[in-house]
Amino acid sequence: MYYDTTKSDERLTYENKALRQDMRIELFFKQRPEASVGASEVWQAVFNRLEHVPITSVRRSLNTLAAQGVVVKTSEKIDGAYGRPEYGWRLAPPAKKQTNLFN
């Protein structure tokens, strides 16, 4: 999800770019269903340095995917970039199916 804070004429371009970033990060977690990783590790693993994707875009994607129920933030702290701790993220458990007791 792209948050249009500047009311740019290129909103659709930025929305598509954010969506592609979200999809790439979601795929990263689906390939590692048990892993708990920090934003810095996701950033380094998913995006190469030539793409110039800022770490803030990864954090935005993680929050967007969390709101969609794709990933969850853990209480685990992981050493991140610059030696600073950051929270871990992991793939959310599958949603439980609700059973209807009246059928």
C-alpha atoms as a PDB file:
ATOM      1  CA  MET A   1       0.000   0.000   0.000  1.00  0.00           C
ATOM      2  CA  TYR A   2       1.307   3.433  -0.932  1.00  0.00           C
ATOM      3  CA  TYR A   3       0.552   6.326   1.409  1.00  0.00           C
ATOM      4  CA  ASP A   4       0.123   9.408  -0.766  1.00  0.00           C
ATOM      5  CA  THR A   5       1.272  12.158   1.572  1.00  0.00           C
ATOM      6  CA  THR A   6       2.377  14.541  -1.174  1.00  0.00           C
ATOM      7  CA  LYS A   7      -0.637  14.298  -3.522  1.00  0.00           C
ATOM      8  CA  SER A   8       1.675  13.389  -6.391  1.00  0.00           C
ATOM      9  CA  ASP A   9       0.561  13.138 -10.015  1.00  0.00           C
ATOM     10  CA  GLU A  10       2.491   9.861 -10.171  1.00  0.00           C
ATOM     11  CA  ARG A  11       0.374   8.185  -7.478  1.00  0.00           C
ATOM     12  CA  LEU A  12      -0.430   5.103  -9.580  1.00  0.00           C
ATOM     13  CA  THR A  13       3.230   4.546 -10.383  1.00  0.00           C
ATOM     14  CA  TYR A  14       4.116   4.699  -6.697  1.00  0.00           C
ATOM     15  CA  GLU A  15       1.192   2.463  -5.711  1.00  0.00           C
ATOM     16  CA  ASN A  16       2.341  -0.194  -8.190  1.00  0.00           C
ATOM     17  CA  LYS A  17       5.905   0.026  -6.936  1.00  0.00           C
ATOM     18  CA  ALA A  18       4.759  -0.388  -3.318  1.00  0.00           C
ATOM     19  CA  LEU A  19       2.553  -3.342  -4.284  1.00  0.00           C
ATOM     20  CA  ARG A  20       5.480  -5.075  -6.018  1.00  0.00           C
ATOM     21  CA  GLN A  21       7.623  -4.528  -2.931  1.00  0.00           C
ATOM     22  CA  ASP A  22       4.883  -5.990  -0.719  1.00  0.00           C
ATOM     23  CA  MET A  23       4.572  -9.043  -2.982  1.00  0.00           C
ATOM     24  CA  ARG A  24       8.322  -9.668  -2.989  1.00  0.00           C
ATOM     25  CA  ILE A  25       8.503  -9.448   0.791  1.00  0.00           C
ATOM     26  CA  GLU A  26       5.473 -11.722   1.179  1.00  0.00           C
ATOM     27  CA  LEU A  27       7.172 -14.307  -1.057  1.00  0.00           C
ATOM     28  CA  PHE A  28      10.350 -14.034   1.046  1.00  0.00           C
ATOM     29  CA  PHE A  29       8.387 -14.975   4.171  1.00  0.00           C
ATOM     30  CA  LYS A  30       6.446 -17.756   2.441  1.00  0.00           C
ATOM     31  CA  GLN A  31       9.759 -19.346   1.491  1.00  0.00           C
ATOM     32  CA  ARG A  32      10.802 -19.233   5.174  1.00  0.00           C
ATOM     33  CA  PRO A  33       7.616 -20.015   7.118  1.00  0.00           C
ATOM     34  CA  GLU A  34       9.368 -20.676  10.435  1.00  0.00           C
ATOM     35  CA  ALA A  35      11.948 -17.877  10.290  1.00  0.00           C
ATOM     36  CA  SER A  36      11.818 -14.753  12.408  1.00  0.00           C
ATOM     37  CA  VAL A  37      13.788 -11.988  10.709  1.00  0.00           C
ATOM     38  CA  GLY A  38      14.296  -8.284  11.156  1.00  0.00           C
ATOM     39  CA  ALA A  39      13.550  -5.582   8.630  1.00  0.00           C
ATOM     40  CA  SER A  40      17.251  -5.152   7.856  1.00  0.00           C
ATOM     41  CA  GLU A  41      17.633  -8.823   6.959  1.00  0.00           C
ATOM     42  CA  VAL A  42      14.537  -8.674   4.746  1.00  0.00           C
ATOM     43  CA  TRP A  43      15.927  -5.562   3.073  1.00  0.00           C
ATOM     44  CA  GLN A  44      19.292  -7.205   2.359  1.00  0.00           C
ATOM     45  CA  ALA A  45      17.769 -10.498   1.164  1.00  0.00           C
ATOM     46  CA  VAL A  46      14.974  -9.150  -1.042  1.00  0.00           C
ATOM     47  CA  PHE A  47      16.420  -6.033  -2.628  1.00  0.00           C
ATOM     48  CA  ASN A  48      19.804  -5.654  -4.232  1.00  0.00           C
ATOM     49  CA  ARG A  49      21.787  -2.489  -3.726  1.00  0.00           C
ATOM     50  CA  LEU A  50      21.213  -1.351  -7.318  1.00  0.00           C
ATOM     51  CA  GLU A  51      17.472  -0.992  -6.721  1.00  0.00           C
ATOM     52  CA  HIS A  52      17.932   1.813  -4.179  1.00  0.00           C
ATOM     53  CA  VAL A  53      15.008   0.647  -2.036  1.00  0.00           C
ATOM     54  CA  PRO A  54      15.182   2.422   1.328  1.00  0.00           C
ATOM     55  CA  ILE A  55      14.804   0.448   4.559  1.00  0.00           C
ATOM     56  CA  THR A  56      11.749   2.588   5.323  1.00  0.00           C
ATOM     57  CA  SER A  57       9.985   1.000   2.333  1.00  0.00           C
ATOM     58  CA  VAL A  58      10.630  -2.429   3.823  1.00  0.00           C
ATOM     59  CA  ARG A  59       9.208  -1.282   7.159  1.00  0.00           C
ATOM     60  CA  ARG A  60       6.163   0.133   5.344  1.00  0.00           C
ATOM     61  CA  SER A  61       5.654  -3.188   3.562  1.00  0.00           C
ATOM     62  CA  LEU A  62       5.970  -5.128   6.812  1.00  0.00           C
ATOM     63  CA  ASN A  63       3.301  -2.986   8.448  1.00  0.00           C
ATOM     64  CA  THR A  64       1.040  -3.275   5.402  1.00  0.00           C
ATOM     65  CA  LEU A  65       1.460  -7.071   5.339  1.00  0.00           C
ATOM     66  CA  ALA A  66       0.794  -7.216   9.090  1.00  0.00           C
ATOM     67  CA  ALA A  67      -2.447  -5.275   8.622  1.00  0.00           C
ATOM     68  CA  GLN A  68      -3.423  -7.818   5.948  1.00  0.00           C
ATOM     69  CA  GLY A  69      -2.652 -10.724   8.299  1.00  0.00           C
ATOM     70  CA  VAL A  70       0.245 -12.019   6.195  1.00  0.00           C
ATOM     71  CA  VAL A  71       3.048 -11.453   8.726  1.00  0.00           C
ATOM     72  CA  VAL A  72       3.189 -10.842  12.457  1.00  0.00           C
ATOM     73  CA  LYS A  73       5.606  -8.828  14.531  1.00  0.00           C
ATOM     74  CA  THR A  74       7.291 -10.923  17.206  1.00  0.00           C
ATOM     75  CA  SER A  75       8.527  -9.858  20.622  1.00  0.00           C
ATOM     76  CA  GLU A  76      11.967 -11.185  19.681  1.00  0.00           C
ATOM     77  CA  LYS A  77      14.688  -8.582  19.184  1.00  0.00           C
ATOM     78  CA  ILE A  78      17.237  -9.213  16.434  1.00  0.00           C
ATOM     79  CA  ASP A  79      20.477  -7.358  15.768  1.00  0.00           C
ATOM     80  CA  GLY A  80      19.751  -5.124  12.827  1.00  0.00           C
ATOM     81  CA  ALA A  81      21.655  -2.654  10.731  1.00  0.00           C
ATOM     82  CA  TYR A  82      24.199  -0.518  12.540  1.00  0.00           C
ATOM     83  CA  GLY A  83      24.163  -2.900  15.534  1.00  0.00           C
ATOM     84  CA  ARG A  84      20.780  -1.703  16.739  1.00  0.00           C
ATOM     85  CA  PRO A  85      18.117  -4.177  17.851  1.00  0.00           C
ATOM     86  CA  GLU A  86      14.913  -4.444  15.831  1.00  0.00           C
ATOM     87  CA  TYR A  87      11.823  -6.560  16.199  1.00  0.00           C
ATOM     88  CA  GLY A  88      11.522  -9.822  14.338  1.00  0.00           C
ATOM     89  CA  TRP A  89       8.788 -10.581  11.838  1.00  0.00           C
ATOM     90  CA  ARG A  90       7.471 -13.946  10.720  1.00  0.00           C
ATOM     91  CA  LEU A  91       4.813 -15.431   8.504  1.00  0.00           C
ATOM     92  CA  ALA A  92       1.432 -15.335  10.238  1.00  0.00           C
ATOM     93  CA  PRO A  93      -0.091 -18.681  11.148  1.00  0.00           C
ATOM     94  CA  PRO A  94      -2.892 -19.821   8.832  1.00  0.00           C
ATOM     95  CA  ALA A  95      -6.300 -18.481   9.770  1.00  0.00           C
ATOM     96  CA  LYS A  96      -8.483 -20.977  11.585  1.00  0.00           C
ATOM     97  CA  LYS A  97     -11.644 -21.993   9.793  1.00  0.00           C
ATOM     98  CA  GLN A  98     -14.796 -21.179  11.682  1.00  0.00           C
ATOM     99  CA  THR A  99     -17.264 -23.991  12.080  1.00  0.00           C
ATOM    100  CA  ASN A 100     -20.947 -23.345  12.093  1.00  0.00           C
ATOM    101  CA  LEU A 101     -22.529 -25.245  14.978  1.00  0.00           C
ATOM    102  CA  PHE A 102     -26.027 -24.892  13.538  1.00  0.00           C
ATOM    103  CA  ASN A 103     -25.519 -26.819  10.269  1.00  0.00           C
END
